[in-house]
N, C-alpha and C. Protein backbone atom coordinates (compact mmCIF):
# COMPACT_ATOMS: atom_id res chain seq x y z
N MET A 1 112.63 101.67 96.67
CA MET A 1 111.81 102.31 95.65
C MET A 1 112.52 103.56 95.16
N PHE A 2 112.17 103.98 93.98
CA PHE A 2 112.77 105.17 93.41
C PHE A 2 111.77 105.83 92.46
N ALA A 3 111.98 107.11 92.20
CA ALA A 3 111.10 107.84 91.28
C ALA A 3 111.10 107.15 89.92
N GLY A 4 109.92 106.99 89.34
CA GLY A 4 109.76 106.33 88.05
C GLY A 4 109.44 104.85 88.15
N GLN A 5 109.59 104.27 89.32
CA GLN A 5 109.32 102.84 89.51
C GLN A 5 107.83 102.59 89.57
N LYS A 6 107.39 101.55 88.85
CA LYS A 6 106.00 101.11 88.90
C LYS A 6 105.83 100.22 90.12
N LEU A 7 104.72 100.38 90.82
CA LEU A 7 104.47 99.56 92.01
C LEU A 7 104.24 98.11 91.61
N PRO A 8 104.64 97.17 92.47
CA PRO A 8 104.42 95.76 92.17
C PRO A 8 102.94 95.39 92.29
N ASP A 9 102.54 94.40 91.52
CA ASP A 9 101.17 93.88 91.61
C ASP A 9 101.07 92.95 92.80
N VAL A 10 100.27 93.34 93.77
CA VAL A 10 100.09 92.56 95.00
C VAL A 10 98.60 92.53 95.33
N THR A 11 98.15 91.44 95.94
CA THR A 11 96.79 91.36 96.46
C THR A 11 96.86 91.44 97.98
N PHE A 12 96.11 92.37 98.53
CA PHE A 12 96.06 92.59 99.98
C PHE A 12 94.77 91.98 100.53
N ARG A 13 94.88 91.23 101.61
CA ARG A 13 93.70 90.63 102.26
C ARG A 13 93.17 91.63 103.29
N THR A 14 91.98 92.18 103.00
CA THR A 14 91.40 93.17 103.91
C THR A 14 90.09 92.66 104.50
N ARG A 15 89.72 93.28 105.61
CA ARG A 15 88.43 93.02 106.25
C ARG A 15 87.62 94.30 106.15
N VAL A 16 86.40 94.20 105.63
CA VAL A 16 85.54 95.37 105.49
C VAL A 16 84.20 95.12 106.16
N ARG A 17 83.64 96.21 106.71
CA ARG A 17 82.33 96.12 107.35
C ARG A 17 81.28 95.80 106.29
N ASP A 18 80.37 94.90 106.64
CA ASP A 18 79.30 94.50 105.74
C ASP A 18 78.01 94.44 106.56
N GLU A 19 77.16 95.44 106.35
CA GLU A 19 75.93 95.56 107.15
C GLU A 19 74.96 94.41 106.90
N SER A 20 75.16 93.63 105.83
CA SER A 20 74.27 92.49 105.58
C SER A 20 74.59 91.31 106.50
N ILE A 21 75.72 91.38 107.19
CA ILE A 21 76.11 90.31 108.11
C ILE A 21 75.62 90.68 109.51
N GLU A 22 74.82 89.80 110.09
CA GLU A 22 74.31 90.05 111.44
C GLU A 22 75.25 89.44 112.46
N GLY A 23 75.16 89.96 113.67
CA GLY A 23 75.97 89.43 114.75
C GLY A 23 77.06 90.38 115.19
N PRO A 24 77.91 89.91 116.09
CA PRO A 24 78.90 90.80 116.70
C PRO A 24 80.12 91.11 115.80
N ASN A 25 80.24 90.43 114.67
CA ASN A 25 81.41 90.64 113.81
C ASN A 25 80.95 90.83 112.36
N PRO A 26 80.37 92.01 112.05
CA PRO A 26 79.82 92.22 110.71
C PRO A 26 80.89 92.61 109.67
N PHE A 27 81.87 91.75 109.50
CA PHE A 27 82.94 92.00 108.54
C PHE A 27 83.11 90.81 107.62
N ARG A 28 83.62 91.09 106.41
CA ARG A 28 83.91 90.03 105.47
C ARG A 28 85.29 90.29 104.86
N TRP A 29 85.88 89.23 104.31
CA TRP A 29 87.15 89.37 103.62
C TRP A 29 86.92 90.02 102.26
N GLN A 30 87.82 90.90 101.88
CA GLN A 30 87.76 91.50 100.54
C GLN A 30 89.19 91.67 100.05
N ASP A 31 89.50 91.01 98.95
CA ASP A 31 90.82 91.17 98.35
C ASP A 31 90.88 92.50 97.61
N MET A 32 91.97 93.24 97.84
CA MET A 32 92.22 94.51 97.16
C MET A 32 93.59 94.40 96.50
N THR A 33 93.70 94.92 95.30
CA THR A 33 94.96 94.84 94.57
C THR A 33 95.67 96.19 94.57
N THR A 34 96.91 96.16 94.14
CA THR A 34 97.66 97.39 93.96
C THR A 34 96.87 98.34 93.07
N ALA A 35 96.31 97.83 91.98
CA ALA A 35 95.54 98.66 91.06
C ALA A 35 94.32 99.26 91.74
N ASP A 36 93.65 98.49 92.61
CA ASP A 36 92.47 99.02 93.32
C ASP A 36 92.82 100.26 94.12
N TYR A 37 93.98 100.26 94.73
CA TYR A 37 94.39 101.39 95.57
C TYR A 37 95.01 102.54 94.78
N PHE A 38 95.80 102.23 93.75
CA PHE A 38 96.65 103.25 93.16
C PHE A 38 96.32 103.68 91.73
N ALA A 39 95.56 102.90 90.98
CA ALA A 39 95.30 103.24 89.58
C ALA A 39 94.46 104.50 89.46
N GLY A 40 94.90 105.40 88.57
CA GLY A 40 94.13 106.58 88.24
C GLY A 40 94.07 107.65 89.32
N LYS A 41 94.95 107.56 90.32
CA LYS A 41 94.93 108.53 91.41
C LYS A 41 96.35 108.99 91.73
N ARG A 42 96.44 110.15 92.32
CA ARG A 42 97.71 110.65 92.87
C ARG A 42 97.56 110.58 94.39
N VAL A 43 98.39 109.75 95.00
CA VAL A 43 98.23 109.45 96.42
C VAL A 43 99.56 109.55 97.17
N ILE A 44 99.44 109.59 98.47
CA ILE A 44 100.59 109.43 99.35
C ILE A 44 100.47 108.06 99.99
N LEU A 45 101.56 107.33 99.96
CA LEU A 45 101.66 106.07 100.69
C LEU A 45 102.77 106.25 101.71
N PHE A 46 102.45 106.00 102.97
CA PHE A 46 103.52 105.96 103.96
C PHE A 46 103.46 104.63 104.68
N SER A 47 104.63 104.10 104.97
CA SER A 47 104.73 102.79 105.60
C SER A 47 105.59 102.91 106.84
N LEU A 48 105.25 102.12 107.83
CA LEU A 48 105.89 102.23 109.13
C LEU A 48 106.07 100.86 109.78
N PRO A 49 106.89 100.79 110.82
CA PRO A 49 107.21 99.49 111.42
C PRO A 49 106.04 98.75 112.06
N GLY A 50 105.07 99.47 112.62
CA GLY A 50 103.98 98.73 113.22
C GLY A 50 102.87 99.60 113.76
N ALA A 51 101.65 99.10 113.63
CA ALA A 51 100.49 99.73 114.24
C ALA A 51 100.68 99.77 115.74
N PHE A 52 100.14 100.79 116.37
CA PHE A 52 100.15 100.98 117.82
C PHE A 52 101.54 101.30 118.39
N THR A 53 102.55 101.49 117.54
CA THR A 53 103.88 101.83 118.05
C THR A 53 103.97 103.35 118.27
N PRO A 54 104.90 103.81 119.13
CA PRO A 54 104.88 105.21 119.58
C PRO A 54 105.02 106.27 118.48
N THR A 55 106.05 106.25 117.67
CA THR A 55 106.25 107.29 116.66
C THR A 55 105.10 107.27 115.66
N CYS A 56 104.70 106.09 115.27
CA CYS A 56 103.63 105.92 114.29
C CYS A 56 102.31 106.48 114.81
N SER A 57 101.99 106.21 116.06
CA SER A 57 100.71 106.60 116.64
C SER A 57 100.69 108.04 117.13
N THR A 58 101.85 108.57 117.50
CA THR A 58 101.92 109.91 118.08
C THR A 58 102.13 110.99 117.03
N TYR A 59 102.94 110.70 116.01
CA TYR A 59 103.33 111.73 115.05
C TYR A 59 102.88 111.45 113.62
N GLN A 60 103.30 110.31 113.08
CA GLN A 60 103.15 110.11 111.64
C GLN A 60 101.70 109.97 111.21
N LEU A 61 100.97 109.01 111.76
CA LEU A 61 99.57 108.81 111.36
C LEU A 61 98.72 110.04 111.69
N PRO A 62 98.77 110.59 112.90
CA PRO A 62 97.96 111.79 113.17
C PRO A 62 98.36 112.98 112.30
N GLY A 63 99.63 113.11 111.97
CA GLY A 63 100.07 114.21 111.13
C GLY A 63 99.46 114.15 109.74
N PHE A 64 99.45 112.95 109.15
CA PHE A 64 98.83 112.81 107.83
C PHE A 64 97.31 112.97 107.94
N GLU A 65 96.71 112.44 108.97
CA GLU A 65 95.26 112.57 109.18
C GLU A 65 94.87 114.05 109.30
N ASN A 66 95.56 114.78 110.15
CA ASN A 66 95.21 116.18 110.40
C ASN A 66 95.57 117.09 109.23
N GLY A 67 96.53 116.68 108.40
CA GLY A 67 96.93 117.49 107.25
C GLY A 67 96.24 117.13 105.96
N PHE A 68 95.24 116.27 106.03
CA PHE A 68 94.59 115.75 104.83
C PHE A 68 94.13 116.85 103.87
N GLU A 69 93.48 117.87 104.37
CA GLU A 69 92.97 118.95 103.50
C GLU A 69 94.11 119.71 102.84
N ASP A 70 95.22 119.90 103.56
CA ASP A 70 96.39 120.56 102.96
C ASP A 70 96.95 119.73 101.81
N PHE A 71 96.98 118.42 101.98
CA PHE A 71 97.47 117.54 100.91
C PHE A 71 96.52 117.55 99.72
N LYS A 72 95.21 117.55 99.99
CA LYS A 72 94.23 117.61 98.89
C LYS A 72 94.43 118.89 98.09
N ALA A 73 94.72 120.00 98.77
CA ALA A 73 94.93 121.28 98.09
C ALA A 73 96.16 121.23 97.19
N GLU A 74 97.05 120.29 97.42
CA GLU A 74 98.26 120.12 96.60
C GLU A 74 98.10 119.02 95.55
N GLY A 75 96.86 118.55 95.35
CA GLY A 75 96.59 117.59 94.28
C GLY A 75 96.65 116.12 94.69
N ILE A 76 96.57 115.84 95.98
CA ILE A 76 96.59 114.45 96.46
C ILE A 76 95.15 113.97 96.63
N ASP A 77 94.84 112.81 96.06
CA ASP A 77 93.49 112.25 96.12
C ASP A 77 93.24 111.43 97.39
N ASP A 78 94.22 110.64 97.80
CA ASP A 78 94.08 109.78 98.97
C ASP A 78 95.41 109.68 99.69
N ILE A 79 95.34 109.31 100.96
CA ILE A 79 96.53 109.03 101.75
C ILE A 79 96.35 107.63 102.34
N TYR A 80 97.37 106.79 102.13
CA TYR A 80 97.35 105.41 102.61
C TYR A 80 98.47 105.17 103.60
N CYS A 81 98.14 104.48 104.67
CA CYS A 81 99.12 104.05 105.66
C CYS A 81 99.24 102.54 105.57
N MET A 82 100.46 102.06 105.34
CA MET A 82 100.71 100.62 105.21
C MET A 82 101.64 100.16 106.33
N SER A 83 101.40 98.93 106.76
CA SER A 83 102.30 98.31 107.72
C SER A 83 102.26 96.80 107.50
N VAL A 84 103.33 96.13 107.90
CA VAL A 84 103.34 94.67 107.85
C VAL A 84 102.61 94.19 109.11
N ASN A 85 101.30 94.39 109.07
CA ASN A 85 100.35 93.94 110.09
C ASN A 85 99.14 93.42 109.34
N ASP A 86 98.38 92.55 109.99
CA ASP A 86 97.18 92.01 109.34
C ASP A 86 96.04 93.02 109.40
N SER A 87 94.99 92.73 108.66
CA SER A 87 93.86 93.63 108.53
C SER A 87 93.15 93.86 109.87
N PHE A 88 93.09 92.85 110.72
CA PHE A 88 92.45 93.02 112.02
C PHE A 88 93.17 94.10 112.83
N VAL A 89 94.48 94.02 112.87
CA VAL A 89 95.29 94.99 113.61
C VAL A 89 95.18 96.38 113.00
N MET A 90 95.31 96.47 111.68
CA MET A 90 95.25 97.78 111.02
C MET A 90 93.88 98.45 111.24
N ASN A 91 92.81 97.68 111.14
CA ASN A 91 91.47 98.24 111.34
C ASN A 91 91.28 98.73 112.78
N LYS A 92 91.73 97.95 113.74
CA LYS A 92 91.59 98.34 115.15
C LYS A 92 92.44 99.56 115.47
N TRP A 93 93.63 99.63 114.86
CA TRP A 93 94.49 100.79 115.08
C TRP A 93 93.84 102.05 114.52
N ALA A 94 93.31 101.97 113.29
CA ALA A 94 92.63 103.12 112.69
C ALA A 94 91.46 103.55 113.56
N GLU A 95 90.71 102.58 114.08
CA GLU A 95 89.58 102.89 114.95
C GLU A 95 90.07 103.56 116.24
N ALA A 96 91.11 103.01 116.86
CA ALA A 96 91.64 103.56 118.11
C ALA A 96 92.18 104.97 117.93
N GLN A 97 92.71 105.27 116.72
CA GLN A 97 93.27 106.59 116.43
C GLN A 97 92.21 107.58 115.94
N GLY A 98 90.98 107.11 115.71
CA GLY A 98 89.91 107.98 115.23
C GLY A 98 90.17 108.48 113.81
N ILE A 99 90.75 107.63 112.98
CA ILE A 99 91.14 108.01 111.63
C ILE A 99 89.92 107.96 110.70
N SER A 100 89.72 109.05 109.94
CA SER A 100 88.64 109.05 108.95
C SER A 100 89.15 109.46 107.57
N ASN A 101 90.30 110.13 107.49
CA ASN A 101 90.83 110.59 106.21
C ASN A 101 91.85 109.63 105.62
N VAL A 102 92.75 109.12 106.45
CA VAL A 102 93.79 108.19 106.00
C VAL A 102 93.19 106.79 105.94
N LYS A 103 93.49 106.07 104.88
CA LYS A 103 93.03 104.69 104.73
C LYS A 103 94.20 103.76 105.02
N VAL A 104 93.94 102.68 105.74
CA VAL A 104 95.00 101.73 106.09
C VAL A 104 95.04 100.57 105.10
N ILE A 105 96.26 100.14 104.81
CA ILE A 105 96.47 98.98 103.93
C ILE A 105 97.26 97.94 104.72
N PRO A 106 96.68 96.76 104.93
CA PRO A 106 97.40 95.70 105.62
C PRO A 106 98.29 94.92 104.66
N ASP A 107 99.58 94.92 104.94
CA ASP A 107 100.52 94.09 104.17
C ASP A 107 100.95 92.96 105.09
N GLY A 108 99.97 92.16 105.48
CA GLY A 108 100.16 91.14 106.51
C GLY A 108 101.32 90.20 106.30
N SER A 109 101.56 89.78 105.08
CA SER A 109 102.65 88.85 104.80
C SER A 109 103.94 89.59 104.41
N GLY A 110 103.84 90.90 104.24
CA GLY A 110 105.00 91.69 103.86
C GLY A 110 105.38 91.57 102.39
N GLU A 111 104.48 91.04 101.56
CA GLU A 111 104.80 90.83 100.15
C GLU A 111 105.10 92.14 99.42
N PHE A 112 104.23 93.13 99.57
CA PHE A 112 104.44 94.42 98.91
C PHE A 112 105.75 95.05 99.42
N THR A 113 105.90 95.06 100.74
CA THR A 113 107.07 95.67 101.37
C THR A 113 108.36 95.00 100.89
N ARG A 114 108.34 93.69 100.76
CA ARG A 114 109.51 92.96 100.26
C ARG A 114 109.79 93.33 98.81
N LYS A 115 108.74 93.39 97.99
CA LYS A 115 108.92 93.67 96.57
C LYS A 115 109.42 95.09 96.29
N VAL A 116 109.18 96.02 97.22
CA VAL A 116 109.70 97.38 97.02
C VAL A 116 111.02 97.59 97.78
N GLY A 117 111.56 96.52 98.35
CA GLY A 117 112.88 96.57 98.98
C GLY A 117 112.92 97.22 100.35
N MET A 118 111.80 97.25 101.04
CA MET A 118 111.75 97.93 102.34
C MET A 118 111.50 96.98 103.51
N LEU A 119 111.53 95.66 103.28
CA LEU A 119 111.30 94.69 104.35
C LEU A 119 112.59 94.50 105.13
N VAL A 120 112.53 94.70 106.45
CA VAL A 120 113.70 94.54 107.32
C VAL A 120 113.33 93.69 108.53
N ALA A 121 114.35 93.03 109.07
CA ALA A 121 114.18 92.29 110.33
C ALA A 121 114.19 93.28 111.48
N LYS A 122 113.26 93.13 112.40
CA LYS A 122 113.22 93.94 113.61
C LYS A 122 113.19 92.99 114.81
N ASP A 123 113.96 91.89 114.68
CA ASP A 123 114.01 90.89 115.75
C ASP A 123 114.55 91.49 117.05
N ASN A 124 115.40 92.51 116.94
CA ASN A 124 115.94 93.15 118.13
C ASN A 124 114.84 93.77 119.00
N LEU A 125 113.66 94.02 118.40
CA LEU A 125 112.53 94.56 119.15
C LEU A 125 111.43 93.52 119.35
N GLY A 126 111.67 92.29 118.87
CA GLY A 126 110.66 91.25 118.97
C GLY A 126 109.54 91.38 117.96
N PHE A 127 109.78 92.16 116.89
CA PHE A 127 108.75 92.40 115.88
C PHE A 127 108.77 91.38 114.75
N GLY A 128 109.92 90.77 114.47
CA GLY A 128 110.04 89.95 113.28
C GLY A 128 110.26 90.84 112.06
N MET A 129 109.76 90.41 110.91
CA MET A 129 109.94 91.17 109.66
C MET A 129 108.91 92.30 109.61
N ARG A 130 109.41 93.50 109.32
CA ARG A 130 108.56 94.69 109.27
C ARG A 130 109.02 95.62 108.17
N SER A 131 108.27 96.70 107.98
CA SER A 131 108.63 97.70 106.99
C SER A 131 109.60 98.71 107.58
N TRP A 132 110.57 99.11 106.77
CA TRP A 132 111.37 100.29 107.09
C TRP A 132 110.45 101.49 106.89
N ARG A 133 110.66 102.53 107.64
CA ARG A 133 109.80 103.71 107.54
C ARG A 133 110.13 104.50 106.25
N TYR A 134 109.09 104.74 105.44
CA TYR A 134 109.24 105.51 104.22
C TYR A 134 107.90 106.13 103.84
N ALA A 135 107.94 107.03 102.88
CA ALA A 135 106.73 107.60 102.30
C ALA A 135 106.99 107.82 100.82
N ALA A 136 105.92 107.85 100.04
CA ALA A 136 106.05 108.08 98.60
C ALA A 136 104.84 108.84 98.09
N ILE A 137 105.08 109.64 97.09
CA ILE A 137 103.99 110.24 96.33
C ILE A 137 103.88 109.38 95.07
N ILE A 138 102.69 108.86 94.84
CA ILE A 138 102.49 107.90 93.76
C ILE A 138 101.40 108.42 92.83
N ASN A 139 101.71 108.44 91.54
CA ASN A 139 100.77 108.93 90.55
C ASN A 139 100.43 107.79 89.59
N ASP A 140 99.19 107.33 89.65
CA ASP A 140 98.70 106.25 88.78
C ASP A 140 99.60 105.01 88.85
N GLY A 141 99.99 104.66 90.08
CA GLY A 141 100.77 103.43 90.28
C GLY A 141 102.26 103.56 90.03
N VAL A 142 102.75 104.77 89.77
CA VAL A 142 104.17 105.00 89.53
C VAL A 142 104.69 105.99 90.57
N VAL A 143 105.86 105.68 91.14
CA VAL A 143 106.44 106.53 92.17
C VAL A 143 106.87 107.86 91.55
N GLU A 144 106.34 108.94 92.08
CA GLU A 144 106.68 110.29 91.66
C GLU A 144 107.84 110.83 92.50
N ALA A 145 107.79 110.58 93.81
CA ALA A 145 108.85 111.02 94.73
C ALA A 145 108.90 110.02 95.88
N PHE A 146 110.11 109.81 96.41
CA PHE A 146 110.31 108.80 97.46
C PHE A 146 111.09 109.40 98.61
N PHE A 147 110.66 109.08 99.83
CA PHE A 147 111.23 109.64 101.06
C PHE A 147 111.53 108.49 102.03
N GLU A 148 112.78 108.12 102.10
CA GLU A 148 113.21 106.98 102.92
C GLU A 148 114.00 107.49 104.13
N GLU A 149 113.71 106.93 105.27
CA GLU A 149 114.48 107.28 106.46
C GLU A 149 115.90 106.73 106.31
N PRO A 150 116.89 107.43 106.84
CA PRO A 150 118.28 106.97 106.70
C PRO A 150 118.57 105.72 107.54
N GLY A 151 119.55 104.94 107.07
CA GLY A 151 120.04 103.81 107.86
C GLY A 151 119.36 102.48 107.61
N LEU A 152 118.71 102.31 106.46
CA LEU A 152 117.99 101.08 106.15
C LEU A 152 118.88 99.86 106.41
N GLU A 153 118.49 99.04 107.38
CA GLU A 153 119.22 97.80 107.69
C GLU A 153 118.39 96.96 108.64
N ASP A 154 118.69 95.68 108.68
CA ASP A 154 118.06 94.79 109.65
C ASP A 154 118.48 95.18 111.06
N ASN A 155 117.53 95.05 111.98
CA ASN A 155 117.78 95.24 113.41
C ASN A 155 118.46 96.56 113.74
N HIS A 156 118.06 97.61 113.06
CA HIS A 156 118.60 98.94 113.32
C HIS A 156 118.30 99.31 114.77
N GLY A 157 119.25 99.93 115.43
CA GLY A 157 119.10 100.26 116.84
C GLY A 157 118.17 101.42 117.12
N GLU A 158 117.81 102.17 116.10
CA GLU A 158 116.93 103.33 116.28
C GLU A 158 115.76 103.24 115.31
N ASP A 159 114.85 104.18 115.45
CA ASP A 159 113.71 104.30 114.54
C ASP A 159 113.71 105.72 113.98
N PRO A 160 114.58 105.97 112.98
CA PRO A 160 114.67 107.34 112.46
C PRO A 160 113.33 107.81 111.90
N TYR A 161 113.07 109.12 112.09
CA TYR A 161 111.83 109.71 111.61
C TYR A 161 112.07 111.16 111.25
N GLY A 162 111.66 111.54 110.08
CA GLY A 162 111.79 112.92 109.61
C GLY A 162 111.58 113.01 108.12
N GLU A 163 112.32 112.21 107.36
CA GLU A 163 112.20 112.22 105.90
C GLU A 163 110.78 111.88 105.45
N SER A 164 110.15 110.93 106.15
CA SER A 164 108.82 110.46 105.76
C SER A 164 107.70 111.16 106.52
N SER A 165 108.03 112.26 107.17
CA SER A 165 107.02 112.99 107.96
C SER A 165 106.03 113.72 107.03
N PRO A 166 104.82 113.94 107.51
CA PRO A 166 103.85 114.69 106.71
C PRO A 166 104.36 116.10 106.39
N GLU A 167 105.05 116.71 107.33
CA GLU A 167 105.57 118.06 107.12
C GLU A 167 106.56 118.09 105.95
N ASN A 168 107.42 117.07 105.86
CA ASN A 168 108.41 117.01 104.79
C ASN A 168 107.74 116.79 103.42
N LEU A 169 106.74 115.90 103.38
CA LEU A 169 106.05 115.66 102.11
C LEU A 169 105.26 116.88 101.67
N LEU A 170 104.61 117.57 102.60
CA LEU A 170 103.84 118.76 102.25
C LEU A 170 104.78 119.85 101.73
N LYS A 171 105.93 120.00 102.35
CA LYS A 171 106.93 120.98 101.89
C LYS A 171 107.37 120.64 100.46
N HIS A 172 107.63 119.36 100.20
CA HIS A 172 108.02 118.93 98.85
C HIS A 172 106.94 119.30 97.83
N LEU A 173 105.68 119.01 98.16
CA LEU A 173 104.59 119.30 97.23
C LEU A 173 104.46 120.79 96.97
N LYS A 174 104.57 121.59 98.01
CA LYS A 174 104.45 123.05 97.86
C LYS A 174 105.63 123.62 97.08
N ASP A 175 106.84 123.12 97.36
CA ASP A 175 108.02 123.58 96.62
C ASP A 175 107.91 123.23 95.14
N LYS A 176 107.40 122.03 94.85
CA LYS A 176 107.25 121.59 93.46
C LYS A 176 106.21 122.45 92.74
N ALA A 177 105.13 122.77 93.43
CA ALA A 177 104.08 123.59 92.83
C ALA A 177 104.58 125.01 92.57
N ALA A 178 105.44 125.51 93.44
CA ALA A 178 105.97 126.87 93.30
C ALA A 178 107.02 126.96 92.18
N ALA A 179 107.66 125.84 91.89
CA ALA A 179 108.75 125.85 90.89
C ALA A 179 108.23 125.95 89.46
């Protein structure tokens, strides 16, 4: 992805709570599109290799969650966390992390991730195809700024983290506002 790029049109299969459904699993399928998430808003999208993984669960997701008000003060409407995981996994991870500010987007088939050029093999870790770690500031469906971790390649031996950190994005937003 790069600044000025329009996001691809993708339909995401999500599971949402529906109080009209009785029983132990009160959820229904709801298709959400790229436009549903990104149209008419200025948002942060960050994508990571997998729900429940160490860097993602310890630093990146909690950092964006805890910094939500700081991002809002810089003109961000929403923060989305995406992973090549299904909706069941993403919902359970958000629940386990106690997330209320960051919204999760399941890219279960990796279609969005592939279309933005960030799909990589992580067979060396037994993950299969996953997202390379990145973050973007997106304004009305168009990339405003892009933050990619170095070394994009299949089966990378490490999991670089820093460029896509909440601290780095917040610094970018504050520097831009000051300029």
